[in-house]
C-alpha atoms as a PDB file:
ATOM      1  CA  MET A   1      -6.210   7.868 -11.164  1.00  0.00           C
ATOM      2  CA  ASN A   2      -4.356  11.126 -11.731  1.00  0.00           C
ATOM      3  CA  ALA A   3      -0.849  10.832 -10.289  1.00  0.00           C
ATOM      4  CA  TYR A   4      -1.112  14.086  -8.314  1.00  0.00           C
ATOM      5  CA  LEU A   5      -4.273  12.821  -6.626  1.00  0.00           C
ATOM      6  CA  GLU A   6      -2.877   9.321  -6.161  1.00  0.00           C
ATOM      7  CA  ILE A   7       0.231  10.542  -4.324  1.00  0.00           C
ATOM      8  CA  LEU A   8      -2.070  12.082  -1.687  1.00  0.00           C
ATOM      9  CA  ARG A   9      -3.535   8.609  -1.028  1.00  0.00           C
ATOM     10  CA  PRO A  10      -7.004  10.155  -1.023  1.00  0.00           C
ATOM     11  CA  PHE A  11      -8.734   7.216   0.696  1.00  0.00           C
ATOM     12  CA  ASN A  12      -6.382   7.462   3.689  1.00  0.00           C
ATOM     13  CA  ALA A  13      -6.776  11.254   3.734  1.00  0.00           C
ATOM     14  CA  LEU A  14     -10.569  10.895   3.679  1.00  0.00           C
ATOM     15  CA  MET A  15     -10.368   8.451   6.590  1.00  0.00           C
ATOM     16  CA  ALA A  16      -8.706  11.244   8.562  1.00  0.00           C
ATOM     17  CA  VAL A  17     -11.446  13.685   7.524  1.00  0.00           C
ATOM     18  CA  VAL A  18     -14.043  11.228   8.836  1.00  0.00           C
ATOM     19  CA  ALA A  19     -12.789  11.993  12.362  1.00  0.00           C
ATOM     20  CA  ILE A  20     -13.793  15.661  11.945  1.00  0.00           C
ATOM     21  CA  PHE A  21     -17.294  14.871  10.720  1.00  0.00           C
ATOM     22  CA  LEU A  22     -17.778  12.174  13.336  1.00  0.00           C
ATOM     23  CA  MET A  23     -17.190  14.789  16.011  1.00  0.00           C
ATOM     24  CA  ALA A  24     -19.731  17.038  14.280  1.00  0.00           C
ATOM     25  CA  ILE A  25     -22.287  14.210  14.116  1.00  0.00           C
ATOM     26  CA  ILE A  26     -21.757  13.183  17.729  1.00  0.00           C
ATOM     27  CA  SER A  27     -22.031  16.772  18.977  1.00  0.00           C
ATOM     28  CA  GLY A  28     -24.741  17.862  16.544  1.00  0.00           C
ATOM     29  CA  ASN A  29     -22.661  20.927  15.788  1.00  0.00           C
ATOM     30  CA  PHE A  30     -22.319  21.549  12.036  1.00  0.00           C
ATOM     31  CA  THR A  31     -20.674  24.885  11.333  1.00  0.00           C
ATOM     32  CA  LEU A  32     -18.588  26.367   8.546  1.00  0.00           C
ATOM     33  CA  GLY A  33     -15.566  25.675  10.747  1.00  0.00           C
ATOM     34  CA  VAL A  34     -16.277  21.935  10.572  1.00  0.00           C
ATOM     35  CA  PHE A  35     -16.082  21.936   6.771  1.00  0.00           C
ATOM     36  CA  ILE A  36     -12.950  24.083   6.721  1.00  0.00           C
ATOM     37  CA  ALA A  37     -11.372  21.775   9.332  1.00  0.00           C
ATOM     38  CA  GLY A  38     -12.235  18.796   7.117  1.00  0.00           C
ATOM     39  CA  ALA A  39     -10.472  20.466   4.199  1.00  0.00           C
ATOM     40  CA  VAL A  40      -7.455  21.241   6.410  1.00  0.00           C
ATOM     41  CA  VAL A  41      -7.139  17.623   7.546  1.00  0.00           C
ATOM     42  CA  PHE A  42      -7.488  16.279   3.985  1.00  0.00           C
ATOM     43  CA  ILE A  43      -4.919  18.714   2.567  1.00  0.00           C
ATOM     44  CA  ILE A  44      -2.338  18.262   5.327  1.00  0.00           C
ATOM     45  CA  THR A  45      -2.763  14.482   5.493  1.00  0.00           C
ATOM     46  CA  GLY A  46      -2.378  14.332   1.709  1.00  0.00           C
ATOM     47  CA  ALA A  47       0.699  16.546   1.913  1.00  0.00           C
ATOM     48  CA  GLY A  48       2.116  14.231   4.578  1.00  0.00           C
ATOM     49  CA  ASN A  49       1.585  11.212   2.329  1.00  0.00           C
ATOM     50  CA  SER A  50       3.196  13.033  -0.568  1.00  0.00           C
ATOM     51  CA  ILE A  51       6.276  14.165   1.394  1.00  0.00           C
ATOM     52  CA  ASN A  52       6.604  10.624   2.706  1.00  0.00           C
ATOM     53  CA  ASP A  53       6.843   9.379  -0.886  1.00  0.00           C
ATOM     54  CA  TYR A  54       9.376  12.138  -1.608  1.00  0.00           C
ATOM     55  CA  PHE A  55      11.755  10.863   1.060  1.00  0.00           C
ATOM     56  CA  ASP A  56      10.955   7.170   0.559  1.00  0.00           C
ATOM     57  CA  TYR A  57      11.378   6.983  -3.200  1.00  0.00           C
ATOM     58  CA  LYS A  58      14.194   4.406  -2.918  1.00  0.00           C
ATOM     59  CA  ILE A  59      12.230   2.202  -0.512  1.00  0.00           C
ATOM     60  CA  ASP A  60       9.109   2.483  -2.691  1.00  0.00           C
ATOM     61  CA  ALA A  61      11.171   1.485  -5.736  1.00  0.00           C
ATOM     62  CA  ILE A  62      11.569  -1.881  -3.960  1.00  0.00           C
ATOM     63  CA  ASN A  63       8.319  -2.269  -2.026  1.00  0.00           C
ATOM     64  CA  LYS A  64       5.823  -0.309  -4.173  1.00  0.00           C
ATOM     65  CA  PRO A  65       7.323   0.555  -7.577  1.00  0.00           C
ATOM     66  CA  GLU A  66       3.878   1.440  -8.959  1.00  0.00           C
ATOM     67  CA  ARG A  67       3.669   4.613  -6.856  1.00  0.00           C
ATOM     68  CA  PRO A  68       3.868   7.976  -8.711  1.00  0.00           C
ATOM     69  CA  ILE A  69       7.520   8.852  -7.973  1.00  0.00           C
ATOM     70  CA  PRO A  70       9.278   5.500  -8.550  1.00  0.00           C
ATOM     71  CA  SER A  71       7.085   4.838 -11.603  1.00  0.00           C
ATOM     72  CA  GLY A  72       8.220   8.163 -13.098  1.00  0.00           C
ATOM     73  CA  ARG A  73       4.762   9.738 -13.308  1.00  0.00           C
ATOM     74  CA  ILE A  74       5.767  12.588 -10.960  1.00  0.00           C
ATOM     75  CA  PRO A  75       9.345  13.944 -10.793  1.00  0.00           C
ATOM     76  CA  ARG A  76      10.686  13.775  -7.232  1.00  0.00           C
ATOM     77  CA  ARG A  77      11.469  17.511  -7.103  1.00  0.00           C
ATOM     78  CA  THR A  78       7.949  18.355  -8.271  1.00  0.00           C
ATOM     79  CA  ALA A  79       6.492  16.127  -5.553  1.00  0.00           C
ATOM     80  CA  GLY A  80       8.498  18.042  -2.945  1.00  0.00           C
ATOM     81  CA  ILE A  81       7.202  21.416  -4.175  1.00  0.00           C
ATOM     82  CA  TYR A  82       3.657  20.028  -4.381  1.00  0.00           C
ATOM     83  CA  SER A  83       3.809  18.750  -0.800  1.00  0.00           C
ATOM     84  CA  SER A  84       5.225  22.015   0.572  1.00  0.00           C
ATOM     85  CA  SER A  85       2.511  24.040  -1.169  1.00  0.00           C
ATOM     86  CA  LEU A  86      -0.231  21.843   0.281  1.00  0.00           C
ATOM     87  CA  PHE A  87       1.180  22.145   3.803  1.00  0.00           C
ATOM     88  CA  ILE A  88       1.152  25.954   3.500  1.00  0.00           C
ATOM     89  CA  VAL A  89      -2.446  26.031   2.209  1.00  0.00           C
ATOM     90  CA  GLY A  90      -3.624  23.711   4.999  1.00  0.00           C
ATOM     91  CA  ILE A  91      -1.922  25.760   7.721  1.00  0.00           C
ATOM     92  CA  ILE A  92      -3.384  29.048   6.412  1.00  0.00           C
ATOM     93  CA  LEU A  93      -6.889  27.554   6.357  1.00  0.00           C
ATOM     94  CA  ALA A  94      -6.462  26.256   9.927  1.00  0.00           C
ATOM     95  CA  PHE A  95      -5.439  29.721  11.180  1.00  0.00           C
ATOM     96  CA  ALA A  96      -8.551  31.072   9.438  1.00  0.00           C
ATOM     97  CA  ILE A  97     -10.665  29.013  11.871  1.00  0.00           C
ATOM     98  CA  ASN A  98      -8.765  29.988  15.012  1.00  0.00           C
ATOM     99  CA  THR A  99      -5.235  30.382  16.323  1.00  0.00           C
ATOM    100  CA  LEU A 100      -5.162  27.133  18.322  1.00  0.00           C
ATOM    101  CA  LEU A 101      -6.085  25.028  15.293  1.00  0.00           C
ATOM    102  CA  GLY A 102      -3.541  26.932  13.213  1.00  0.00           C
ATOM    103  CA  ILE A 103      -0.793  26.105  15.711  1.00  0.00           C
ATOM    104  CA  ILE A 104      -1.859  22.437  15.775  1.00  0.00           C
ATOM    105  CA  ALA A 105      -1.832  22.327  11.960  1.00  0.00           C
ATOM    106  CA  LEU A 106       1.623  23.937  11.844  1.00  0.00           C
ATOM    107  CA  LEU A 107       3.123  21.597  14.440  1.00  0.00           C
ATOM    108  CA  SER A 108       1.451  18.557  12.836  1.00  0.00           C
ATOM    109  CA  SER A 109       2.861  19.516   9.435  1.00  0.00           C
ATOM    110  CA  LEU A 110       6.376  19.907  10.836  1.00  0.00           C
ATOM    111  CA  THR A 111       6.001  16.553  12.607  1.00  0.00           C
ATOM    112  CA  MET A 112       4.921  14.870   9.363  1.00  0.00           C
ATOM    113  CA  ILE A 113       7.964  16.239   7.555  1.00  0.00           C
ATOM    114  CA  TRP A 114      10.263  15.153  10.396  1.00  0.00           C
ATOM    115  CA  TYR A 115       8.574  11.751  10.404  1.00  0.00           C
ATOM    116  CA  ALA A 116       9.105  11.266   6.676  1.00  0.00           C
ATOM    117  CA  TYR A 117      12.715  12.466   6.860  1.00  0.00           C
ATOM    118  CA  ASN A 118      13.856  10.621   9.978  1.00  0.00           C
ATOM    119  CA  LEU A 119      11.365   9.486  12.629  1.00  0.00           C
ATOM    120  CA  LYS A 120       9.827   6.634  10.655  1.00  0.00           C
ATOM    121  CA  ARG A 121      13.180   4.844  10.596  1.00  0.00           C
ATOM    122  CA  MET A 122      13.519   4.936  14.392  1.00  0.00           C
ATOM    123  CA  LEU A 123      12.377   1.978  16.457  1.00  0.00           C
ATOM    124  CA  MET A 124       8.690   2.470  17.375  1.00  0.00           C
ATOM    125  CA  VAL A 125       9.019   6.269  17.247  1.00  0.00           C
ATOM    126  CA  GLY A 126       7.543   6.421  13.749  1.00  0.00           C
ATOM    127  CA  ASN A 127       4.660   4.138  14.713  1.00  0.00           C
ATOM    128  CA  LEU A 128       3.878   6.249  17.776  1.00  0.00           C
ATOM    129  CA  THR A 129       4.043   9.450  15.722  1.00  0.00           C
ATOM    130  CA  ILE A 130       1.552   8.324  13.077  1.00  0.00           C
ATOM    131  CA  SER A 131      -0.780   6.836  15.691  1.00  0.00           C
ATOM    132  CA  PHE A 132      -0.671  10.060  17.710  1.00  0.00           C
ATOM    133  CA  LEU A 133      -1.432  12.166  14.618  1.00  0.00           C
ATOM    134  CA  THR A 134      -4.356   9.885  13.765  1.00  0.00           C
ATOM    135  CA  GLY A 135      -5.836  10.317  17.225  1.00  0.00           C
ATOM    136  CA  LEU A 136      -5.138  14.052  17.019  1.00  0.00           C
ATOM    137  CA  CYS A 137      -7.589  14.315  14.090  1.00  0.00           C
ATOM    138  CA  PHE A 138     -10.412  13.609  16.557  1.00  0.00           C
ATOM    139  CA  VAL A 139      -9.074  16.240  18.954  1.00  0.00           C
ATOM    140  CA  PHE A 140      -8.803  18.711  16.060  1.00  0.00           C
ATOM    141  CA  GLY A 141     -12.494  18.124  15.333  1.00  0.00           C
ATOM    142  CA  GLY A 142     -13.323  18.203  19.029  1.00  0.00           C
ATOM    143  CA  ILE A 143     -11.853  21.688  19.354  1.00  0.00           C
ATOM    144  CA  VAL A 144     -13.987  22.913  16.441  1.00  0.00           C
ATOM    145  CA  VAL A 145     -17.239  21.580  17.974  1.00  0.00           C
ATOM    146  CA  HIS A 146     -16.277  22.252  21.619  1.00  0.00           C
ATOM    147  CA  GLN A 147     -16.164  18.570  22.642  1.00  0.00           C
ATOM    148  CA  ILE A 148     -12.523  18.209  23.632  1.00  0.00           C
ATOM    149  CA  LEU A 149     -12.828  15.553  26.359  1.00  0.00           C
ATOM    150  CA  LEU A 150     -14.977  13.288  24.184  1.00  0.00           C
ATOM    151  CA  SER A 151     -12.577  13.736  21.273  1.00  0.00           C
ATOM    152  CA  ILE A 152      -9.699  12.600  23.494  1.00  0.00           C
ATOM    153  CA  TYR A 153     -11.577   9.374  24.299  1.00  0.00           C
ATOM    154  CA  LEU A 154     -12.189   8.637  20.618  1.00  0.00           C
ATOM    155  CA  GLY A 155      -8.667   9.702  19.680  1.00  0.00           C
ATOM    156  CA  PHE A 156      -7.252   7.198  22.156  1.00  0.00           C
ATOM    157  CA  PHE A 157      -9.044   4.288  20.472  1.00  0.00           C
ATOM    158  CA  ALA A 158      -7.926   5.520  17.064  1.00  0.00           C
ATOM    159  CA  PHE A 159      -4.374   5.600  18.460  1.00  0.00           C
ATOM    160  CA  LEU A 160      -4.556   1.938  19.574  1.00  0.00           C
ATOM    161  CA  MET A 161      -5.966   0.697  16.278  1.00  0.00           C
ATOM    162  CA  THR A 162      -3.458   2.694  14.247  1.00  0.00           C
ATOM    163  CA  MET A 163      -0.534   1.360  16.308  1.00  0.00           C
ATOM    164  CA  ALA A 164      -1.552  -2.184  15.412  1.00  0.00           C
ATOM    165  CA  ARG A 165      -1.807  -1.365  11.723  1.00  0.00           C
ATOM    166  CA  GLU A 166       1.498   0.530  11.662  1.00  0.00           C
ATOM    167  CA  ILE A 167       3.357  -2.457  13.111  1.00  0.00           C
ATOM    168  CA  VAL A 168       1.730  -4.796  10.583  1.00  0.00           C
ATOM    169  CA  LYS A 169       2.699  -2.426   7.751  1.00  0.00           C
ATOM    170  CA  ASP A 170       6.310  -2.479   9.004  1.00  0.00           C
ATOM    171  CA  MET A 171       6.205  -6.265   8.793  1.00  0.00           C
ATOM    172  CA  GLU A 172       5.010  -5.961   5.207  1.00  0.00           C
ATOM    173  CA  ASP A 173       7.770  -3.486   4.262  1.00  0.00           C
ATOM    174  CA  VAL A 174      10.790  -5.208   5.827  1.00  0.00           C
ATOM    175  CA  LYS A 175      12.623  -5.768   2.541  1.00  0.00           C
ATOM    176  CA  GLY A 176      12.637  -2.131   1.447  1.00  0.00           C
ATOM    177  CA  ASP A 177      13.203  -0.813   4.978  1.00  0.00           C
ATOM    178  CA  GLN A 178      16.261  -3.038   5.385  1.00  0.00           C
ATOM    179  CA  ALA A 179      17.701  -1.721   2.126  1.00  0.00           C
ATOM    180  CA  GLU A 180      17.464   1.841   3.501  1.00  0.00           C
ATOM    181  CA  GLY A 181      18.859   0.996   6.931  1.00  0.00           C
ATOM    182  CA  ALA A 182      15.613   1.594   8.822  1.00  0.00           C
ATOM    183  CA  SER A 183      15.340   0.346  12.411  1.00  0.00           C
ATOM    184  CA  THR A 184      11.747  -0.852  12.603  1.00  0.00           C
ATOM    185  CA  LEU A 185      10.414  -3.332  15.139  1.00  0.00           C
ATOM    186  CA  PRO A 186      10.343  -6.303  12.702  1.00  0.00           C
ATOM    187  CA  ILE A 187      13.907  -5.600  11.583  1.00  0.00           C
ATOM    188  CA  ARG A 188      15.273  -5.294  15.130  1.00  0.00           C
ATOM    189  CA  TYR A 189      13.275  -8.020  16.887  1.00  0.00           C
ATOM    190  CA  GLY A 190      11.695 -10.119  14.151  1.00  0.00           C
ATOM    191  CA  ASN A 191       8.177 -10.727  12.904  1.00  0.00           C
ATOM    192  CA  ALA A 192       7.188 -13.071  15.722  1.00  0.00           C
ATOM    193  CA  ILE A 193       7.556 -10.411  18.432  1.00  0.00           C
ATOM    194  CA  SER A 194       6.092  -7.756  16.125  1.00  0.00           C
ATOM    195  CA  SER A 195       2.999  -9.860  15.461  1.00  0.00           C
ATOM    196  CA  LYS A 196       2.449 -10.331  19.197  1.00  0.00           C
ATOM    197  CA  LEU A 197       2.654  -6.592  19.849  1.00  0.00           C
ATOM    198  CA  ALA A 198       0.317  -5.826  16.939  1.00  0.00           C
ATOM    199  CA  ALA A 199      -2.154  -8.407  18.242  1.00  0.00           C
ATOM    200  CA  PHE A 200      -1.861  -6.872  21.719  1.00  0.00           C
ATOM    201  CA  PHE A 201      -2.921  -3.434  20.476  1.00  0.00           C
ATOM    202  CA  VAL A 202      -5.774  -4.957  18.469  1.00  0.00           C
ATOM    203  CA  ILE A 203      -7.071  -6.941  21.431  1.00  0.00           C
ATOM    204  CA  ILE A 204      -6.801  -4.025  23.878  1.00  0.00           C
ATOM    205  CA  ALA A 205      -8.711  -1.759  21.474  1.00  0.00           C
ATOM    206  CA  SER A 206     -11.353  -4.461  20.925  1.00  0.00           C
ATOM    207  CA  LEU A 207     -11.886  -5.129  24.625  1.00  0.00           C
ATOM    208  CA  ALA A 208     -11.878  -1.478  25.665  1.00  0.00           C
ATOM    209  CA  SER A 209     -14.084  -0.036  22.912  1.00  0.00           C
ATOM    210  CA  PRO A 210     -17.430  -1.165  24.450  1.00  0.00           C
ATOM    211  CA  LEU A 211     -16.614   1.054  27.444  1.00  0.00           C
ATOM    212  CA  LEU A 212     -17.732   4.042  25.379  1.00  0.00           C
ATOM    213  CA  TYR A 213     -21.276   2.690  25.667  1.00  0.00           C
ATOM    214  CA  PHE A 214     -21.079   1.820  29.349  1.00  0.00           C
ATOM    215  CA  ILE A 215     -19.835   5.278  30.357  1.00  0.00           C
ATOM    216  CA  GLY A 216     -22.787   6.812  28.530  1.00  0.00           C
ATOM    217  CA  ILE A 217     -21.181   8.307  25.424  1.00  0.00           C
ATOM    218  CA  PHE A 218     -23.065   6.211  22.865  1.00  0.00           C
ATOM    219  CA  THR A 219     -26.426   4.461  22.591  1.00  0.00           C
ATOM    220  CA  TRP A 220     -26.950   0.700  22.358  1.00  0.00           C
ATOM    221  CA  LEU A 221     -26.779   0.860  18.542  1.00  0.00           C
ATOM    222  CA  TYR A 222     -23.075   1.560  18.941  1.00  0.00           C
ATOM    223  CA  LEU A 223     -22.603  -1.888  20.495  1.00  0.00           C
ATOM    224  CA  ILE A 224     -24.599  -3.601  17.730  1.00  0.00           C
ATOM    225  CA  ILE A 225     -22.497  -2.108  14.937  1.00  0.00           C
ATOM    226  CA  LEU A 226     -19.279  -2.398  16.927  1.00  0.00           C
ATOM    227  CA  LEU A 227     -19.609  -6.173  17.245  1.00  0.00           C
ATOM    228  CA  PRO A 228     -18.648  -6.943  13.598  1.00  0.00           C
ATOM    229  CA  ALA A 229     -15.664  -4.602  13.964  1.00  0.00           C
ATOM    230  CA  ILE A 230     -14.483  -6.463  17.064  1.00  0.00           C
ATOM    231  CA  LEU A 231     -14.827  -9.780  15.215  1.00  0.00           C
ATOM    232  CA  VAL A 232     -12.775  -8.396  12.300  1.00  0.00           C
ATOM    233  CA  PHE A 233     -10.103  -7.114  14.700  1.00  0.00           C
ATOM    234  CA  LEU A 234      -9.856 -10.406  16.599  1.00  0.00           C
ATOM    235  CA  TYR A 235      -9.745 -12.373  13.335  1.00  0.00           C
ATOM    236  CA  ALA A 236      -6.902 -10.126  12.152  1.00  0.00           C
ATOM    237  CA  ALA A 237      -5.065 -10.666  15.459  1.00  0.00           C
ATOM    238  CA  VAL A 238      -5.312 -14.458  15.124  1.00  0.00           C
ATOM    239  CA  ARG A 239      -4.162 -14.337  11.492  1.00  0.00           C
ATOM    240  CA  ILE A 240      -1.102 -12.201  12.181  1.00  0.00           C
ATOM    241  CA  LEU A 241      -0.061 -14.470  15.055  1.00  0.00           C
ATOM    242  CA  LYS A 242      -0.295 -17.542  12.813  1.00  0.00           C
ATOM    243  CA  ASP A 243       1.254 -16.188   9.612  1.00  0.00           C
ATOM    244  CA  GLN A 244       3.747 -13.329   9.241  1.00  0.00           C
ATOM    245  CA  SER A 245       4.297 -13.655   5.476  1.00  0.00           C
ATOM    246  CA  VAL A 246       4.284 -10.482   3.355  1.00  0.00           C
ATOM    247  CA  GLU A 247       1.073 -11.531   1.625  1.00  0.00           C
ATOM    248  CA  ASN A 248      -0.726 -12.171   4.907  1.00  0.00           C
ATOM    249  CA  THR A 249       0.499  -8.960   6.562  1.00  0.00           C
ATOM    250  CA  ARG A 250      -0.869  -7.046   3.569  1.00  0.00           C
ATOM    251  CA  ASN A 251      -4.262  -8.712   4.040  1.00  0.00           C
ATOM    252  CA  VAL A 252      -4.253  -8.158   7.809  1.00  0.00           C
ATOM    253  CA  SER A 253      -3.471  -4.467   7.292  1.00  0.00           C
ATOM    254  CA  LYS A 254      -6.562  -4.209   5.075  1.00  0.00           C
ATOM    255  CA  GLU A 255      -8.659  -6.058   7.659  1.00  0.00           C
ATOM    256  CA  ILE A 256      -7.597  -3.661  10.425  1.00  0.00           C
ATOM    257  CA  LYS A 257      -8.481  -0.728   8.163  1.00  0.00           C
ATOM    258  CA  MET A 258     -11.873  -2.341   7.505  1.00  0.00           C
ATOM    259  CA  GLY A 259     -12.420  -2.780  11.241  1.00  0.00           C
ATOM    260  CA  MET A 260     -11.571   0.876  11.808  1.00  0.00           C
ATOM    261  CA  GLY A 261     -14.107   1.884   9.168  1.00  0.00           C
ATOM    262  CA  ILE A 262     -16.845  -0.160  10.869  1.00  0.00           C
ATOM    263  CA  THR A 263     -15.881   1.317  14.249  1.00  0.00           C
ATOM    264  CA  PHE A 264     -16.188   4.845  12.870  1.00  0.00           C
ATOM    265  CA  LEU A 265     -19.633   3.919  11.547  1.00  0.00           C
ATOM    266  CA  ALA A 266     -20.530   2.703  15.036  1.00  0.00           C
ATOM    267  CA  PHE A 267     -19.371   6.047  16.480  1.00  0.00           C
ATOM    268  CA  ALA A 268     -21.773   7.878  14.149  1.00  0.00           C
ATOM    269  CA  ALA A 269     -24.731   5.513  14.479  1.00  0.00           C
ATOM    270  CA  GLY A 270     -24.471   5.422  18.261  1.00  0.00           C
ATOM    271  CA  SER A 271     -24.540   9.200  18.604  1.00  0.00           C
ATOM    272  CA  PRO A 272     -27.284  10.401  20.994  1.00  0.00           C
ATOM    273  CA  TYR A 273     -27.690  13.444  18.722  1.00  0.00           C
ATOM    274  CA  LEU A 274     -28.830  11.254  15.816  1.00  0.00           C
ATOM    275  CA  TRP A 275     -31.293   9.506  18.105  1.00  0.00           C
ATOM    276  CA  SER A 276     -32.675  12.864  19.205  1.00  0.00           C
ATOM    277  CA  LEU A 277     -33.358  13.695  15.546  1.00  0.00           C
ATOM    278  CA  VAL A 278     -35.172  10.383  15.040  1.00  0.00           C
ATOM    279  CA  GLY A 279     -37.147  10.944  18.213  1.00  0.00           C
END
């Protein structure tokens, strides 16, 4: 993969874009603004990943030396310019949709830079920041399609699932984070407590997610597709409680991401709008 595409972590950026199109599918509202918003989220999320690598090049040299900056495929200064340019493009596109989305894009970009520079090293603050920004993607899409309340519901579940994954990723990255003096939950309180908190967020998200059917947001198909996701989440929770090794935390992180993907599929498939098309 081209290094300048790789540093954006395109799969993660596309996962953020999914939130925009899920809101469009659920509402049945596909406009030009939806596609521009998707581009904004991809560009700014990619820029956030890139600026994170810019600040974390020493940590990545220990934890993930294959990444573009520590491997020497992209000079660090170039990565900083690249990230800044992407942030500017994303913000301009967001203002082209409307002022509110432009302000959200601007504040989100500044938060991502602050996160990469400082927040991620602060106990739980970094985890909360990333989880909030993940949930905000749904709200961003909700504003575009005029479904703000619904987007807040979905954003909340994305927040819970992301919190679990962020804690697990901190457990995976302890060695590099310690070398840089970070104050993450695993470093301050150990992997045992961290695994319990990660499992807590996973279980809460799993138990609460069926409520979206019972309050009338989704059809019964949502529950059918959601079930495998819940099983994946609960399996990941059990695994992280039993084994906090680096290898296992890496696998659990992937399992939580897989569960999130299945949940997003359930959001789309359970949309009453899709059923109205079939009918």
